[in-house]
Amino acid sequence: MLHYATIVDIAGGTPANAALRYQQTHPEVKVYSGLCLPLLLAAVMGTPMEKAIKQAKENIAPVGNSTKDKPTPTKKESYQSKELNENAEVEPQTMHNIRIDERLIHGQVATMWTNALRLTRIMVVGDDIVKNDIQKTACPHGVHLSILTAKGAARRINEGKYKGQTVLVLVKNPGVLRQMVDNGVNLPEINVGNMSTKADSRQVAKSVAVTAEDVDNFNYLNEHGCHLYHQMVPAEDKEEFMELLKK
């Protein structure tokens, strides 16, 4: 028997009462209260309800940084800290959270991925995005936003600008990441999340379609030590993307 789910706002409210009356004659329908955007997005993407509820609970957390009770450094401490930073040898930084998503900052990134990864910064990378004001999307509250060209992003990463931060690098296609790799950035893992269907593309996953150029760029990244996987939302299991390309 198929089971259907109805998500309502609060238990005891009018929508919940109406859903429960419907359930009396349709026992296969399950009713859940506590509607929120992360829960709704997960349910729409096909995440099992138990996992979706668990994920929504994990998303309930304070955001932003509090500066209360932080001691103000003395002039001497500030000077010493600055002197150490200037004299310290900077090592190239490894970026661990990389996602290809043509939608850039959208509902899934703004809620699910931001909370799952505990992000402090989102870096949107792409030469065309820097020049296009329409695609400069608002960032979640309490999370810093950087919009950079591939070369500019690589330079800042290699200079260690984001050490101590939890960064998600968002790009629209693998070609941008190829540029970053060519500029010396270490990208150990890449999540291929969403690439829309185009006239000359083929579908390799529900939300991913690739062109011949994309396949060439993915092979290049794979040959340069990047582990490619597909994962639409945090609650889903990772799929080996290079295996999907072979289908």
Protein backbone atom coordinates (compact mmCIF):
# COMPACT_ATOMS: atom_id res chain seq x y z
CA MET A 1 0.00 0.00 0.00
CA LEU A 2 1.24 3.45 -0.85
CA HIS A 3 1.55 5.92 1.99
CA TYR A 4 1.03 9.63 1.48
CA ALA A 5 2.16 12.44 3.77
CA THR A 6 0.61 15.77 4.62
CA ILE A 7 2.73 18.44 6.33
CA VAL A 8 0.88 21.11 8.33
CA ASP A 9 2.05 24.08 10.36
CA ILE A 10 1.14 23.33 14.01
CA ALA A 11 -0.72 20.55 15.75
CA GLY A 12 -4.21 21.70 16.76
CA GLY A 13 -4.42 24.35 14.05
CA THR A 14 -7.07 24.49 11.35
CA PRO A 15 -4.91 22.84 8.63
CA ALA A 16 -3.94 20.05 11.03
CA ASN A 17 -7.55 19.45 12.06
CA ALA A 18 -8.66 19.33 8.44
CA ALA A 19 -5.87 16.89 7.59
CA LEU A 20 -6.82 14.65 10.54
CA ARG A 21 -10.47 14.57 9.44
CA TYR A 22 -9.30 13.51 5.98
CA GLN A 23 -7.06 10.87 7.55
CA GLN A 24 -10.07 9.23 9.23
CA THR A 25 -11.35 8.10 5.82
CA HIS A 26 -7.89 7.72 4.26
CA PRO A 27 -5.75 5.86 6.83
CA GLU A 28 -2.86 5.54 4.35
CA VAL A 29 -2.20 9.29 4.76
CA LYS A 30 0.31 10.29 7.43
CA VAL A 31 0.05 13.76 8.97
CA TYR A 32 3.11 15.66 10.23
CA SER A 33 3.12 19.03 11.97
CA GLY A 34 5.93 21.56 12.08
CA LEU A 35 6.16 22.77 8.49
CA CYS A 36 9.38 24.69 7.75
CA LEU A 37 11.34 25.44 4.59
CA PRO A 38 14.14 22.88 5.14
CA LEU A 39 11.55 20.13 5.78
CA LEU A 40 9.52 21.11 2.74
CA LEU A 41 12.57 21.23 0.44
CA ALA A 42 13.78 17.84 1.64
CA ALA A 43 10.33 16.29 1.17
CA VAL A 44 9.98 17.73 -2.33
CA MET A 45 13.38 16.28 -3.28
CA GLY A 46 12.18 12.83 -2.24
CA THR A 47 14.04 12.52 1.07
CA PRO A 48 12.29 9.95 3.36
CA MET A 49 10.18 11.78 5.92
CA GLU A 50 12.08 10.46 8.93
CA LYS A 51 15.37 11.74 7.48
CA ALA A 52 13.74 15.01 6.44
CA ILE A 53 12.46 15.64 9.98
CA LYS A 54 15.87 14.81 11.48
CA GLN A 55 17.54 17.17 9.03
CA ALA A 56 15.02 19.96 9.78
CA LYS A 57 15.69 19.61 13.52
CA GLU A 58 19.43 19.91 12.91
CA ASN A 59 18.80 23.15 11.00
CA ILE A 60 17.32 24.76 14.12
CA ALA A 61 20.33 26.67 15.42
CA PRO A 62 21.38 30.24 16.15
CA VAL A 63 23.05 32.02 13.23
CA GLY A 64 25.53 34.84 13.08
CA ASN A 65 28.42 35.59 15.39
CA SER A 66 28.09 37.15 18.82
CA THR A 67 30.79 39.55 19.91
CA LYS A 68 29.58 39.70 23.49
CA ASP A 69 32.03 38.80 26.23
CA LYS A 70 34.97 38.83 23.83
CA PRO A 71 37.84 40.77 25.40
CA THR A 72 39.18 43.67 23.37
CA PRO A 73 42.88 43.08 22.62
CA THR A 74 45.33 45.64 23.95
CA LYS A 75 47.41 47.73 21.54
CA LYS A 76 50.45 45.58 22.34
CA GLU A 77 48.56 42.34 21.68
CA SER A 78 47.16 43.72 18.42
CA TYR A 79 50.64 44.81 17.30
CA GLN A 80 52.17 41.42 18.16
CA SER A 81 49.39 39.57 16.35
CA LYS A 82 49.82 41.74 13.26
CA GLU A 83 53.59 41.25 13.35
CA LEU A 84 53.23 37.46 13.57
CA ASN A 85 50.72 37.40 10.70
CA GLU A 86 52.99 39.49 8.49
CA ASN A 87 56.03 37.32 9.19
CA ALA A 88 54.26 33.98 9.00
CA GLU A 89 54.88 31.83 5.93
CA VAL A 90 51.60 31.33 4.08
CA GLU A 91 50.86 27.80 2.84
CA PRO A 92 48.43 27.18 -0.03
CA GLN A 93 44.96 26.45 1.31
CA THR A 94 42.90 23.38 0.50
CA MET A 95 39.22 24.00 -0.23
CA HIS A 96 37.06 21.10 0.96
CA ASN A 97 33.49 22.27 0.28
CA ILE A 98 33.02 22.62 -3.48
CA ARG A 99 29.65 22.44 -5.23
CA ILE A 100 28.66 22.74 -8.88
CA ASP A 101 25.13 24.19 -8.94
CA GLU A 102 23.80 26.34 -11.77
CA ARG A 103 21.27 27.90 -9.40
CA LEU A 104 24.11 29.20 -7.19
CA ILE A 105 22.65 30.51 -3.89
CA HIS A 106 19.10 29.13 -3.70
CA GLY A 107 16.83 27.41 -1.17
CA GLN A 108 18.93 24.27 -0.71
CA VAL A 109 22.18 26.18 -0.26
CA ALA A 110 20.63 28.92 1.89
CA THR A 111 19.13 26.42 4.33
CA MET A 112 20.32 22.81 4.06
CA TRP A 113 23.95 23.15 3.02
CA THR A 114 24.63 26.31 5.03
CA ASN A 115 23.50 24.59 8.23
CA ALA A 116 24.85 21.11 7.45
CA LEU A 117 28.34 22.47 6.79
CA ARG A 118 28.13 25.27 9.40
CA LEU A 119 29.29 27.75 6.77
CA THR A 120 30.85 31.10 7.60
CA ARG A 121 31.38 32.13 3.97
CA ILE A 122 29.97 31.35 0.52
CA MET A 123 32.30 32.01 -2.39
CA VAL A 124 30.54 32.31 -5.77
CA VAL A 125 33.14 31.93 -8.52
CA GLY A 126 32.84 32.67 -12.21
CA ASP A 127 34.04 35.36 -14.61
CA ASP A 128 30.53 35.82 -16.04
CA ILE A 129 28.95 36.10 -12.58
CA VAL A 130 31.23 38.95 -11.53
CA LYS A 131 30.04 40.92 -14.56
CA ASN A 132 26.34 40.07 -14.11
CA ASP A 133 24.55 41.95 -11.30
CA ILE A 134 21.37 39.87 -11.75
CA GLN A 135 23.14 36.71 -10.57
CA LYS A 136 24.61 38.27 -7.43
CA THR A 137 22.19 36.56 -5.07
CA ALA A 138 21.60 37.50 -1.43
CA CYS A 139 23.53 35.43 1.09
CA PRO A 140 22.02 33.77 4.21
CA HIS A 141 22.10 35.91 7.34
CA GLY A 142 25.36 35.66 9.26
CA VAL A 143 27.30 34.19 6.32
CA HIS A 144 29.85 36.26 4.41
CA LEU A 145 29.69 36.37 0.61
CA SER A 146 32.53 36.65 -1.91
CA ILE A 147 31.91 36.91 -5.68
CA LEU A 148 35.15 36.38 -7.59
CA THR A 149 36.63 35.42 -10.92
CA ALA A 150 38.33 32.00 -11.09
CA LYS A 151 41.76 33.62 -11.13
CA GLY A 152 40.90 36.02 -8.31
CA ALA A 153 39.48 33.21 -6.16
CA ALA A 154 42.58 31.08 -6.74
CA ARG A 155 44.88 33.94 -5.75
CA ARG A 156 43.04 34.61 -2.51
CA ILE A 157 42.86 30.94 -1.61
CA ASN A 158 46.56 30.41 -2.28
CA GLU A 159 47.36 33.45 -0.14
CA GLY A 160 45.52 31.82 2.77
CA LYS A 161 42.84 34.52 2.99
CA TYR A 162 40.18 32.12 4.26
CA LYS A 163 42.08 30.12 6.87
CA GLY A 164 39.92 29.47 9.91
CA GLN A 165 36.71 29.90 7.90
CA THR A 166 34.29 27.25 6.68
CA VAL A 167 33.82 28.11 3.01
CA LEU A 168 31.52 26.72 0.33
CA VAL A 169 32.76 27.38 -3.19
CA LEU A 170 29.83 27.57 -5.65
CA VAL A 171 30.32 27.42 -9.42
CA LYS A 172 27.99 26.87 -12.36
CA ASN A 173 30.12 24.42 -14.34
CA PRO A 174 33.30 22.30 -14.10
CA GLY A 175 35.20 24.62 -16.42
CA VAL A 176 35.48 27.18 -13.60
CA LEU A 177 37.02 24.56 -11.29
CA ARG A 178 39.44 23.54 -14.04
CA GLN A 179 40.67 27.14 -14.13
CA MET A 180 41.13 27.11 -10.36
CA VAL A 181 43.09 23.85 -10.48
CA ASP A 182 45.29 25.30 -13.24
CA ASN A 183 45.97 28.22 -10.89
CA GLY A 184 47.26 25.92 -8.15
CA VAL A 185 44.17 25.37 -5.95
CA ASN A 186 43.81 21.96 -4.29
CA LEU A 187 40.23 20.66 -4.66
CA PRO A 188 40.13 17.19 -3.06
CA GLU A 189 36.34 16.69 -3.37
CA ILE A 190 33.72 18.20 -5.69
CA ASN A 191 29.96 17.79 -5.32
CA VAL A 192 28.23 17.88 -8.71
CA GLY A 193 24.77 18.96 -7.54
CA ASN A 194 22.82 20.60 -10.37
CA MET A 195 23.46 21.21 -14.07
CA SER A 196 20.43 21.98 -16.22
CA THR A 197 19.49 20.26 -19.47
CA LYS A 198 20.75 21.91 -22.65
CA ALA A 199 20.22 21.24 -26.35
CA ASP A 200 23.47 19.28 -26.70
CA SER A 201 23.53 17.63 -23.27
CA ARG A 202 22.70 14.18 -21.93
CA GLN A 203 21.19 13.31 -18.56
CA VAL A 204 23.46 11.42 -16.13
CA ALA A 205 21.47 12.06 -12.92
CA LYS A 206 18.05 13.46 -12.09
CA SER A 207 19.45 16.96 -11.67
CA VAL A 208 22.60 16.75 -13.79
CA ALA A 209 22.97 16.96 -17.57
CA VAL A 210 26.38 17.23 -19.24
CA THR A 211 27.75 18.36 -22.59
CA ALA A 212 30.85 16.98 -24.33
CA GLU A 213 32.80 19.98 -23.00
CA ASP A 214 31.60 19.25 -19.47
CA VAL A 215 32.72 15.61 -19.77
CA ASP A 216 36.18 16.75 -20.91
CA ASN A 217 36.44 19.10 -17.92
CA PHE A 218 35.26 16.41 -15.49
CA ASN A 219 37.84 13.97 -16.84
CA TYR A 220 40.51 16.65 -16.43
CA LEU A 221 39.52 17.26 -12.80
CA ASN A 222 39.44 13.54 -12.09
CA GLU A 223 42.92 13.09 -13.60
CA HIS A 224 44.19 15.91 -11.36
CA GLY A 225 43.16 14.15 -8.15
CA CYS A 226 39.69 15.61 -7.59
CA HIS A 227 37.14 13.14 -6.21
CA LEU A 228 33.83 13.85 -7.94
CA TYR A 229 30.51 12.80 -6.40
CA HIS A 230 26.83 13.64 -6.79
CA GLN A 231 24.70 14.66 -3.80
CA MET A 232 21.68 16.90 -4.18
CA VAL A 233 20.93 17.43 -0.46
CA PRO A 234 22.88 16.54 2.71
CA ALA A 235 20.48 13.73 3.70
CA GLU A 236 21.10 11.81 0.48
CA ASP A 237 23.93 9.32 0.01
CA LYS A 238 26.85 10.31 -2.19
CA GLU A 239 27.07 8.73 -5.65
CA GLU A 240 30.34 8.32 -7.53
CA PHE A 241 30.01 10.86 -10.32
CA MET A 242 32.57 9.34 -12.69
CA GLU A 243 30.49 6.15 -12.65
CA LEU A 244 27.40 8.17 -13.57
CA LEU A 245 29.29 9.65 -16.53
CA LYS A 246 29.81 6.15 -17.95
CA LYS A 247 26.07 5.49 -18.25
